[in-house]
Each structure stands twice: as C-alpha cells, then as structure tokens.
Protein backbone atom coordinates (compact mmCIF):
# COMPACT_ATOMS: atom_id res chain seq x y z
CA MET A 1 13.82 -90.77 51.03
CA THR A 2 17.46 -91.62 51.62
CA TRP A 3 19.39 -90.52 54.69
CA GLU A 4 21.47 -88.19 52.53
CA VAL A 5 18.32 -86.40 51.38
CA PHE A 6 17.02 -86.30 54.96
CA TYR A 7 20.19 -84.69 56.32
CA LEU A 8 20.36 -82.26 53.40
CA ALA A 9 16.72 -81.29 53.95
CA CYS A 10 17.38 -80.60 57.65
CA PHE A 11 20.38 -78.46 56.77
CA SER A 12 18.43 -76.56 54.09
CA VAL A 13 15.47 -75.87 56.38
CA GLY A 14 17.74 -74.69 59.18
CA LEU A 15 19.70 -72.46 56.83
CA CYS A 16 16.54 -70.94 55.31
CA LEU A 17 15.09 -70.23 58.76
CA CYS A 18 18.37 -68.70 59.86
CA VAL A 19 18.45 -66.38 56.83
CA ALA A 20 14.78 -65.47 57.35
CA SER A 21 15.55 -64.69 61.00
CA VAL A 22 18.36 -62.33 60.02
CA LEU A 23 16.30 -60.59 57.33
CA THR A 24 13.28 -60.09 59.59
CA GLY A 25 15.22 -59.17 62.73
CA GLY A 26 14.31 -62.43 64.49
CA HIS A 27 10.58 -61.62 64.75
CA HIS A 28 9.51 -64.83 63.04
CA SER A 29 12.06 -67.21 64.49
CA HIS A 30 11.32 -66.93 68.19
CA ILE A 31 9.59 -69.95 69.64
CA HIS A 32 9.61 -68.85 73.27
CA LEU A 33 8.34 -65.28 72.73
CA GLY A 34 9.08 -63.92 76.19
CA GLY A 35 5.81 -62.04 76.70
CA HIS A 36 3.53 -63.97 74.31
CA GLY A 37 2.97 -67.62 73.66
CA HIS A 38 5.22 -69.18 76.26
CA VAL A 39 6.71 -72.59 75.59
CA ALA A 40 7.20 -74.95 78.50
CA ALA A 41 10.97 -74.93 78.54
CA PRO A 42 13.61 -73.98 81.08
CA ARG A 43 14.89 -70.44 80.89
CA VAL A 44 18.43 -69.22 81.00
CA GLY A 45 18.84 -66.55 83.67
CA THR A 46 21.00 -63.52 83.06
CA PRO A 47 23.81 -62.43 85.40
CA HIS A 48 21.60 -59.61 86.65
CA GLY A 49 18.66 -61.83 87.49
CA GLY A 50 16.62 -61.09 84.39
CA ALA A 51 14.18 -63.56 82.91
CA GLY A 52 16.64 -64.44 80.17
CA ILE A 53 15.70 -66.43 77.11
CA SER A 54 14.24 -69.89 76.71
CA ARG A 55 16.72 -72.62 75.86
CA VAL A 56 14.28 -73.81 73.19
CA ASN A 57 13.81 -70.94 70.76
CA GLY A 58 14.01 -70.25 67.05
CA PHE A 59 17.74 -69.49 67.09
CA THR A 60 18.77 -72.71 68.85
CA LEU A 61 16.42 -74.83 66.73
CA THR A 62 17.80 -73.44 63.47
CA ALA A 63 21.35 -73.96 64.77
CA PHE A 64 20.54 -77.58 65.64
CA LEU A 65 19.04 -78.25 62.21
CA CYS A 66 22.02 -76.68 60.41
CA TRP A 67 24.68 -78.53 62.40
CA PHE A 68 22.74 -81.80 62.54
CA GLY A 69 21.93 -81.80 58.84
CA GLY A 70 25.32 -80.58 57.68
CA THR A 71 27.28 -83.05 59.78
CA GLY A 72 25.05 -85.96 58.84
CA TYR A 73 25.20 -85.15 55.13
CA LEU A 74 28.98 -84.82 55.09
CA LEU A 75 29.52 -88.07 57.02
CA ARG A 76 27.08 -89.98 54.81
CA THR A 77 28.53 -88.74 51.51
CA HIS A 78 32.24 -88.52 52.37
CA GLY A 79 32.66 -91.15 55.07
CA SER A 80 32.27 -94.87 55.55
CA PHE A 81 30.52 -94.75 58.92
CA THR A 82 27.48 -96.85 59.78
CA LEU A 83 24.01 -95.36 59.96
CA LEU A 84 23.90 -95.26 63.78
CA ILE A 85 27.37 -93.72 64.07
CA VAL A 86 26.43 -90.97 61.60
CA LEU A 87 23.17 -90.33 63.44
CA LEU A 88 25.01 -90.14 66.77
CA PHE A 89 27.66 -87.73 65.48
CA ALA A 90 25.03 -85.59 63.75
CA THR A 91 22.92 -85.38 66.93
CA VAL A 92 25.93 -84.48 69.09
CA SER A 93 26.96 -81.87 66.54
CA GLY A 94 23.45 -80.40 66.45
CA LEU A 95 23.26 -80.19 70.24
CA ALA A 96 26.71 -78.59 70.35
CA GLY A 97 25.67 -75.96 67.81
CA ALA A 98 22.42 -75.23 69.65
CA GLY A 99 24.30 -75.03 72.96
CA LEU A 100 26.82 -72.63 71.52
CA VAL A 101 24.09 -70.34 70.21
CA SER A 102 22.23 -70.55 73.55
CA TRP A 103 25.42 -69.59 75.42
CA PHE A 104 26.05 -66.68 73.05
CA LEU A 105 22.51 -65.35 73.50
CA SER A 106 22.50 -65.60 77.30
CA SER A 107 26.12 -64.63 78.01
CA VAL A 108 26.78 -62.01 75.34
CA LEU A 109 23.60 -60.54 73.86
CA LEU A 110 21.54 -60.64 77.07
CA ALA A 111 24.35 -60.12 79.56
CA HIS A 112 23.25 -56.56 80.38
CA GLU A 113 19.50 -57.05 80.04
CA ARG A 114 17.25 -56.39 83.01
CA PRO A 115 13.48 -56.24 83.52
CA LEU A 116 12.07 -52.72 83.31
CA SER A 117 10.29 -51.30 86.33
CA ALA A 118 6.70 -50.09 86.21
CA GLU A 119 7.92 -46.49 86.45
CA GLU A 120 10.14 -46.92 83.40
CA THR A 121 7.39 -48.35 81.23
CA ALA A 122 4.51 -46.19 82.48
CA THR A 123 2.95 -43.97 79.82
CA VAL A 124 0.44 -42.07 81.97
CA GLY A 125 1.55 -38.48 82.27
CA VAL A 126 3.89 -38.69 79.29
CA LEU A 127 4.07 -35.63 77.08
CA GLY A 128 3.81 -36.44 73.38
CA ARG A 129 2.96 -35.01 69.99
CA VAL A 130 0.12 -36.05 67.70
CA SER A 131 1.32 -37.67 64.47
CA GLY A 132 -2.08 -38.90 63.32
CA PRO A 133 -5.02 -36.49 63.84
CA LEU A 134 -7.48 -37.47 66.57
CA SER A 135 -11.14 -37.15 65.65
CA PRO A 136 -14.24 -38.04 67.71
CA GLY A 137 -14.75 -41.79 67.64
CA THR A 138 -11.56 -42.53 65.70
CA THR A 139 -8.07 -43.61 66.72
CA GLY A 140 -4.98 -41.63 65.74
CA GLU A 141 -1.36 -41.85 66.82
CA ILE A 142 1.04 -40.03 69.11
CA LEU A 143 4.83 -39.94 69.29
CA PHE A 144 6.71 -39.65 72.57
CA THR A 145 10.15 -40.27 74.03
CA GLN A 146 10.67 -42.92 76.70
CA LEU A 147 13.97 -44.25 78.07
CA GLY A 148 15.78 -42.26 75.41
CA ALA A 149 13.93 -43.97 72.56
CA ARG A 150 11.34 -42.57 70.19
CA ARG A 151 8.06 -44.48 70.52
CA SER A 152 4.56 -44.36 69.08
CA ALA A 153 1.17 -45.45 70.38
CA PRO A 154 -2.43 -45.46 69.12
CA ALA A 155 -4.35 -42.66 70.79
CA ARG A 156 -7.79 -41.15 71.24
CA SER A 157 -8.98 -37.84 72.57
CA GLU A 158 -10.15 -38.30 76.16
CA ASN A 159 -12.89 -35.68 76.03
CA GLY A 160 -13.84 -36.37 72.40
CA ALA A 161 -12.52 -33.05 71.11
CA PRO A 162 -10.63 -33.18 67.81
CA ILE A 163 -6.87 -32.74 68.07
CA SER A 164 -4.84 -31.82 64.99
CA ARG A 165 -1.45 -33.09 63.91
CA ASP A 166 1.69 -31.78 65.73
CA THR A 167 -0.35 -30.74 68.78
CA GLU A 168 1.33 -31.43 72.12
CA VAL A 169 -0.73 -33.74 74.30
CA ILE A 170 -0.45 -35.45 77.65
CA VAL A 171 -1.48 -39.06 78.29
CA MET A 172 -4.26 -39.21 80.87
CA ARG A 173 -4.82 -42.96 80.89
CA TYR A 174 -3.90 -46.07 78.97
CA GLU A 175 -6.50 -48.75 78.26
CA HIS A 176 -6.41 -51.81 76.00
CA GLY A 177 -3.31 -50.57 74.21
CA VAL A 178 -4.77 -47.13 73.47
CA ALA A 179 -3.56 -43.88 75.06
CA TYR A 180 -6.30 -41.38 75.96
CA VAL A 181 -4.87 -37.89 75.72
CA ARG A 182 -5.75 -34.24 76.21
CA ARG A 183 -4.17 -31.12 74.78
CA TRP A 184 -1.18 -29.92 76.79
CA ASP A 185 -2.19 -26.27 76.48
CA GLU A 186 -5.28 -26.98 78.61
CA PHE A 187 -3.02 -27.84 81.52
CA GLU A 188 -0.43 -25.22 80.61
CA GLY A 189 -3.02 -22.47 81.00
CA ALA A 190 -4.13 -23.86 84.37
CA VAL A 191 -0.53 -23.97 85.56
CA ASP A 192 0.02 -20.33 84.52
CA ILE A 193 -3.12 -19.21 86.37
CA HIS A 194 -2.10 -21.12 89.48
CA ALA A 195 1.38 -19.61 89.35
CA SER A 196 -0.07 -16.13 89.02
CA GLU A 197 -2.31 -16.68 92.04
CA ILE A 198 0.64 -17.85 94.13
CA SER A 199 2.71 -14.84 93.00
CA SER A 200 -0.05 -12.36 93.91
CA ARG A 201 -0.53 -13.95 97.33
CA THR A 202 3.19 -13.77 97.99
CA LYS A 203 3.34 -10.05 97.09
CA SER A 204 0.35 -9.23 99.28
C-alpha cells in the first residue's frame, strides 16, 4: 500500500462515517455515549456546568480522518514534500479539524445544555394514554407528555386488569424500564367521592 492510497483510504473512511452520522442522526457515530459505554477521555464542560461531551467521540474522529487523509493525499499527489513533512502537516491538519469540531459541539450545540433534575425526568404520577393495549402478562405502550415533548414508554397493568387502547392511565411505579399503570378513572372516582364528602361536611 502506498502512502497516497493510505491517505485516500483515511479520507474515504472519515467521509463515509460522517455521511452515515448525518443520515442516522449521530446515533452510530458516538464513541463516548454519555450515559452508556463511557470512554476514558477528558470531557468538555459546558458554560452552565453540564457534563458536556467527550473530546474523543465519533464526530471528532471522523473530522480527524477527513482532514488528515485529505491533506496528506493532496500534499503527496500535488506537492514535492518529503514523507515526514507530509505526515506532520496531515497530522496537524487532522488535529485542527478535530479541535474545530470539538469547539463547535461544546460552544455552540451544547452551550445551553444542562443536566435534568430528578423531578424533571420522573415518570411516577404522570398521566398518559394507552397506545398499545395492556393485557395480563403482556407489555403494551403508553404515550405521555414530559418537558413539552411527546414521549412513549413500555407499560404493564399494575393490577393485571386489561386496559384498552386510548384509555387514560396514571403511572404508579417504574421498574426496569417498564411503567406500571392503573386506569385514571379509578382515581377520578375516588377524588369525586372525597370532594363530595368534604362538600357535605362543609354544608353541615
């Protein structure tokens, strides 16, 4: 393998990974994966004290490969530099490209990110609607709104009673990624009875 082929291969791999990252929304290009599969690398903090993003991640690696491979290929095919000089310039160019992407991610995209509090991410007590029927011993799905966004979660009936589609439910507990729910009308009836009792006591 010649150095020209090596540089061109680096550029091609980086470009393909970059395109794949864009097409898949970045789900397959992350190396650091904030909550899963941590890589031992320093993290870039955000201005608001958030965890930030790892300096070594899919975006910076693809940027390094693209800039390193592209610069090396151009210098080898259109210049008269020695092998070490080309390698040095290609490495500096790759690091500059990776650094620029890292700065853009931490200073622009993640500038307003902050860690969510437990109250903001809690699902217990959330009112939702069944989108996939819940049957005894099977797992369905519920839809609910949290932080202004529409979300879904696998769900089961807490008391084992079947719950049909479009029924309003309330999340009683959340275990192993599954929400255990009960029909909202069970609690709605209890609230109405309690309100009636309070009203009658007040009148008497």
